[in-house]
N, C-alpha and C. Protein backbone atom coordinates (compact mmCIF):
# COMPACT_ATOMS: atom_id res chain seq x y z
N MET A 1 0.84 -1.18 0.00
CA MET A 1 0.00 0.00 0.00
C MET A 1 0.88 1.23 0.00
N LEU A 2 0.44 2.25 -0.65
CA LEU A 2 1.17 3.51 -0.69
C LEU A 2 0.19 4.65 -0.71
N GLU A 3 0.50 5.64 0.05
CA GLU A 3 -0.20 6.92 -0.04
C GLU A 3 0.87 7.92 -0.43
N TRP A 4 0.71 8.60 -1.55
CA TRP A 4 1.75 9.52 -2.03
C TRP A 4 1.13 10.85 -2.41
N HIS A 5 1.70 11.94 -1.93
CA HIS A 5 1.25 13.29 -2.23
C HIS A 5 2.33 13.98 -3.05
N SER A 6 2.21 13.91 -4.36
CA SER A 6 3.23 14.47 -5.26
C SER A 6 3.51 15.94 -5.00
N GLU A 7 2.44 16.71 -4.77
CA GLU A 7 2.62 18.14 -4.57
C GLU A 7 3.41 18.45 -3.29
N GLU A 8 3.38 17.54 -2.32
CA GLU A 8 4.11 17.73 -1.07
C GLU A 8 5.40 16.92 -1.00
N GLY A 9 5.58 15.98 -1.94
CA GLY A 9 6.79 15.16 -1.98
C GLY A 9 6.92 14.18 -0.83
N ARG A 10 5.78 13.69 -0.35
CA ARG A 10 5.82 12.75 0.77
C ARG A 10 4.70 11.74 0.65
N GLY A 11 4.82 10.67 1.42
CA GLY A 11 3.79 9.66 1.41
C GLY A 11 4.00 8.65 2.50
N VAL A 12 3.30 7.51 2.38
CA VAL A 12 3.35 6.46 3.38
C VAL A 12 3.57 5.13 2.67
N LEU A 13 4.52 4.35 3.17
CA LEU A 13 4.80 3.02 2.65
C LEU A 13 4.34 1.99 3.66
N ALA A 14 3.84 0.87 3.18
CA ALA A 14 3.44 -0.23 4.06
C ALA A 14 3.59 -1.54 3.30
N SER A 15 3.84 -2.61 4.04
CA SER A 15 4.03 -3.92 3.44
C SER A 15 3.60 -4.97 4.45
N ASP A 16 3.17 -6.14 3.98
CA ASP A 16 2.80 -7.23 4.88
C ASP A 16 4.00 -7.69 5.71
N THR A 17 5.21 -7.50 5.19
CA THR A 17 6.41 -7.95 5.90
C THR A 17 7.03 -6.86 6.78
N PHE A 18 6.43 -5.69 6.80
CA PHE A 18 6.94 -4.57 7.60
C PHE A 18 6.06 -4.40 8.82
N PRO A 19 6.63 -4.11 10.00
CA PRO A 19 5.84 -4.07 11.23
C PRO A 19 4.79 -2.96 11.32
N ASP A 20 4.94 -1.88 10.55
CA ASP A 20 4.02 -0.76 10.64
C ASP A 20 4.20 0.12 9.40
N SER A 21 3.38 1.12 9.21
CA SER A 21 3.53 2.06 8.11
C SER A 21 4.77 2.93 8.32
N ALA A 22 5.40 3.33 7.23
CA ALA A 22 6.59 4.19 7.31
C ALA A 22 6.34 5.47 6.53
N TRP A 23 6.63 6.60 7.15
CA TRP A 23 6.55 7.91 6.50
C TRP A 23 7.69 7.99 5.49
N ALA A 24 7.42 8.54 4.32
CA ALA A 24 8.44 8.61 3.27
C ALA A 24 8.50 10.01 2.67
N HIS A 25 9.70 10.47 2.36
CA HIS A 25 9.93 11.77 1.73
C HIS A 25 10.66 11.53 0.42
N PHE A 26 10.39 12.35 -0.58
CA PHE A 26 11.01 12.16 -1.90
C PHE A 26 12.53 12.15 -1.82
N SER A 27 13.12 12.82 -0.85
CA SER A 27 14.59 12.88 -0.75
C SER A 27 15.20 11.52 -0.42
N ALA A 28 14.39 10.56 0.08
CA ALA A 28 14.89 9.22 0.38
C ALA A 28 14.91 8.31 -0.85
N ILE A 29 14.27 8.73 -1.94
CA ILE A 29 14.22 7.92 -3.17
C ILE A 29 15.59 7.97 -3.84
N GLN A 30 16.17 6.78 -4.05
CA GLN A 30 17.49 6.66 -4.64
C GLN A 30 17.35 6.59 -6.17
N ALA A 31 17.25 7.75 -6.80
CA ALA A 31 17.08 7.83 -8.25
C ALA A 31 17.58 9.19 -8.74
N GLU A 32 17.86 9.27 -10.01
CA GLU A 32 18.29 10.53 -10.64
C GLU A 32 17.07 11.32 -11.08
N GLY A 33 17.23 12.62 -11.15
CA GLY A 33 16.17 13.49 -11.66
C GLY A 33 15.02 13.65 -10.70
N PHE A 34 13.83 13.90 -11.26
CA PHE A 34 12.62 14.10 -10.45
C PHE A 34 12.28 12.80 -9.73
N ARG A 35 12.10 12.85 -8.43
CA ARG A 35 11.88 11.64 -7.64
C ARG A 35 10.48 11.63 -7.06
N GLU A 36 9.68 10.63 -7.49
CA GLU A 36 8.36 10.40 -6.93
C GLU A 36 7.98 8.95 -7.15
N LEU A 37 7.01 8.48 -6.42
CA LEU A 37 6.53 7.11 -6.55
C LEU A 37 5.17 7.11 -7.24
N THR A 38 4.86 6.01 -7.92
CA THR A 38 3.60 5.90 -8.64
C THR A 38 2.92 4.57 -8.34
N ALA A 39 1.63 4.50 -8.60
CA ALA A 39 0.87 3.28 -8.37
C ALA A 39 1.41 2.14 -9.21
N GLY A 40 1.49 0.95 -8.61
CA GLY A 40 1.96 -0.23 -9.32
C GLY A 40 3.46 -0.38 -9.37
N GLN A 41 4.20 0.60 -8.90
CA GLN A 41 5.66 0.57 -8.94
C GLN A 41 6.19 -0.35 -7.85
N SER A 42 7.17 -1.17 -8.18
CA SER A 42 7.81 -2.04 -7.21
C SER A 42 8.99 -1.29 -6.59
N VAL A 43 9.07 -1.29 -5.27
CA VAL A 43 10.16 -0.62 -4.57
C VAL A 43 10.67 -1.48 -3.43
N ALA A 44 11.88 -1.20 -2.99
CA ALA A 44 12.44 -1.73 -1.74
C ALA A 44 12.76 -0.52 -0.89
N PHE A 45 12.70 -0.68 0.43
CA PHE A 45 13.03 0.46 1.28
C PHE A 45 13.61 0.01 2.60
N SER A 46 14.37 0.90 3.20
CA SER A 46 14.83 0.69 4.56
C SER A 46 14.28 1.82 5.40
N ALA A 47 14.02 1.53 6.66
CA ALA A 47 13.40 2.53 7.54
C ALA A 47 14.04 2.46 8.91
N GLU A 48 13.89 3.55 9.64
CA GLU A 48 14.40 3.62 11.00
C GLU A 48 13.27 4.02 11.93
N PRO A 49 13.35 3.61 13.20
CA PRO A 49 12.36 4.06 14.16
C PRO A 49 12.48 5.57 14.32
N ALA A 50 11.37 6.27 14.21
CA ALA A 50 11.38 7.73 14.34
C ALA A 50 9.95 8.21 14.50
N GLU A 51 9.77 9.29 15.19
CA GLU A 51 8.45 9.92 15.29
C GLU A 51 8.35 10.96 14.17
N GLN A 52 7.56 10.67 13.15
CA GLN A 52 7.38 11.58 12.02
C GLN A 52 5.89 11.68 11.77
N ASP A 53 5.31 12.84 12.01
CA ASP A 53 3.86 13.00 11.98
C ASP A 53 3.27 11.96 12.93
N GLU A 54 2.31 11.15 12.51
CA GLU A 54 1.76 10.14 13.41
C GLU A 54 2.38 8.76 13.21
N TYR A 55 3.48 8.67 12.47
CA TYR A 55 4.12 7.39 12.15
C TYR A 55 5.33 7.13 13.05
N ARG A 56 5.54 5.83 13.36
CA ARG A 56 6.65 5.45 14.23
C ARG A 56 7.89 5.05 13.44
N TRP A 57 7.79 5.00 12.10
CA TRP A 57 8.91 4.64 11.23
C TRP A 57 9.06 5.70 10.15
N ARG A 58 10.31 5.93 9.72
CA ARG A 58 10.61 6.86 8.64
C ARG A 58 11.52 6.14 7.64
N ALA A 59 11.11 6.15 6.37
CA ALA A 59 11.94 5.55 5.32
C ALA A 59 13.21 6.39 5.16
N VAL A 60 14.37 5.73 5.17
CA VAL A 60 15.63 6.45 5.01
C VAL A 60 16.20 6.26 3.61
N SER A 61 15.84 5.16 2.95
CA SER A 61 16.23 4.92 1.56
C SER A 61 15.12 4.14 0.87
N ILE A 62 14.80 4.58 -0.35
CA ILE A 62 13.78 3.91 -1.15
C ILE A 62 14.41 3.65 -2.52
N TRP A 63 14.42 2.37 -2.93
CA TRP A 63 15.00 1.99 -4.21
C TRP A 63 13.91 1.55 -5.17
N PRO A 64 13.66 2.32 -6.22
CA PRO A 64 12.65 1.94 -7.21
C PRO A 64 13.09 0.73 -8.03
N GLU A 65 12.16 -0.16 -8.30
CA GLU A 65 12.28 -1.29 -9.23
C GLU A 65 13.68 -1.86 -9.40
N GLY A 66 14.07 -2.73 -8.52
CA GLY A 66 15.31 -3.48 -8.69
C GLY A 66 16.58 -2.71 -8.40
N GLY A 67 16.50 -1.54 -7.78
CA GLY A 67 17.71 -0.81 -7.43
C GLY A 67 18.45 -1.47 -6.28
N ALA A 68 19.63 -0.96 -5.97
CA ALA A 68 20.42 -1.49 -4.87
C ALA A 68 19.63 -1.37 -3.57
N THR A 69 19.77 -2.37 -2.70
CA THR A 69 19.04 -2.33 -1.45
C THR A 69 19.94 -2.14 -0.24
N HIS A 70 21.18 -1.75 -0.45
CA HIS A 70 22.08 -1.45 0.65
C HIS A 70 22.83 -0.18 0.32
N SER A 71 23.23 0.55 1.35
CA SER A 71 23.98 1.77 1.10
C SER A 71 25.31 1.44 0.46
N GLN A 72 25.81 2.33 -0.36
CA GLN A 72 27.05 2.07 -1.08
C GLN A 72 28.27 2.07 -0.18
N ASP A 73 28.19 2.70 0.99
CA ASP A 73 29.33 2.71 1.89
C ASP A 73 29.38 1.46 2.76
N GLY A 74 28.40 0.56 2.60
CA GLY A 74 28.39 -0.70 3.33
C GLY A 74 27.90 -0.59 4.76
N GLU A 75 27.50 0.58 5.19
CA GLU A 75 27.02 0.76 6.56
C GLU A 75 25.64 0.14 6.71
N GLU A 76 25.48 -0.67 7.73
CA GLU A 76 24.18 -1.24 8.04
C GLU A 76 23.66 -0.54 9.28
N GLY A 77 22.51 0.09 9.19
CA GLY A 77 21.95 0.81 10.31
C GLY A 77 21.06 -0.07 11.17
N PRO A 78 20.47 0.52 12.19
CA PRO A 78 19.61 -0.23 13.10
C PRO A 78 18.20 -0.40 12.58
N GLY A 79 17.95 0.04 11.36
CA GLY A 79 16.60 0.05 10.83
C GLY A 79 16.13 -1.29 10.32
N PHE A 80 15.12 -1.27 9.52
CA PHE A 80 14.44 -2.44 8.99
C PHE A 80 14.32 -2.28 7.49
N SER A 81 14.53 -3.34 6.73
CA SER A 81 14.41 -3.28 5.27
C SER A 81 13.26 -4.16 4.81
N SER A 82 12.58 -3.72 3.76
CA SER A 82 11.47 -4.47 3.20
C SER A 82 11.31 -4.09 1.74
N SER A 83 10.54 -4.85 1.01
CA SER A 83 10.19 -4.48 -0.35
C SER A 83 8.70 -4.73 -0.54
N LEU A 84 8.11 -4.05 -1.51
CA LEU A 84 6.68 -4.19 -1.74
C LEU A 84 6.33 -3.78 -3.16
N ASP A 85 5.19 -4.24 -3.61
CA ASP A 85 4.60 -3.77 -4.85
C ASP A 85 3.50 -2.81 -4.47
N ILE A 86 3.47 -1.64 -5.10
CA ILE A 86 2.51 -0.61 -4.75
C ILE A 86 1.27 -0.75 -5.63
N THR A 87 0.11 -0.81 -5.01
CA THR A 87 -1.15 -0.87 -5.73
C THR A 87 -2.10 0.12 -5.09
N LEU A 88 -2.65 1.01 -5.89
CA LEU A 88 -3.60 2.00 -5.39
C LEU A 88 -4.96 1.73 -6.02
N ASP A 89 -6.01 1.81 -5.22
CA ASP A 89 -7.36 1.71 -5.75
C ASP A 89 -7.74 3.07 -6.34
N SER A 90 -8.38 3.05 -7.48
CA SER A 90 -8.79 4.31 -8.12
C SER A 90 -10.08 4.81 -7.55
């Protein structure tokens, strides 16, 4: 599931394998150029515990469709990683 507000550059990520919803900001998307998520797009993400709006998790990296799922410097943080397919009802 995804809730994405393009005009605000933020949204919410959720997955059956993730413990709770994660707040997401466009700056966490690991891509070149204009960064936003769309319905049906497959992504992987890592998140950290954080109080962001009413969410207890914040996405720190989001990799669109088959991108790398670990930081390039090899650092593993205390967060949680998951992947999901995004489907929005019209």
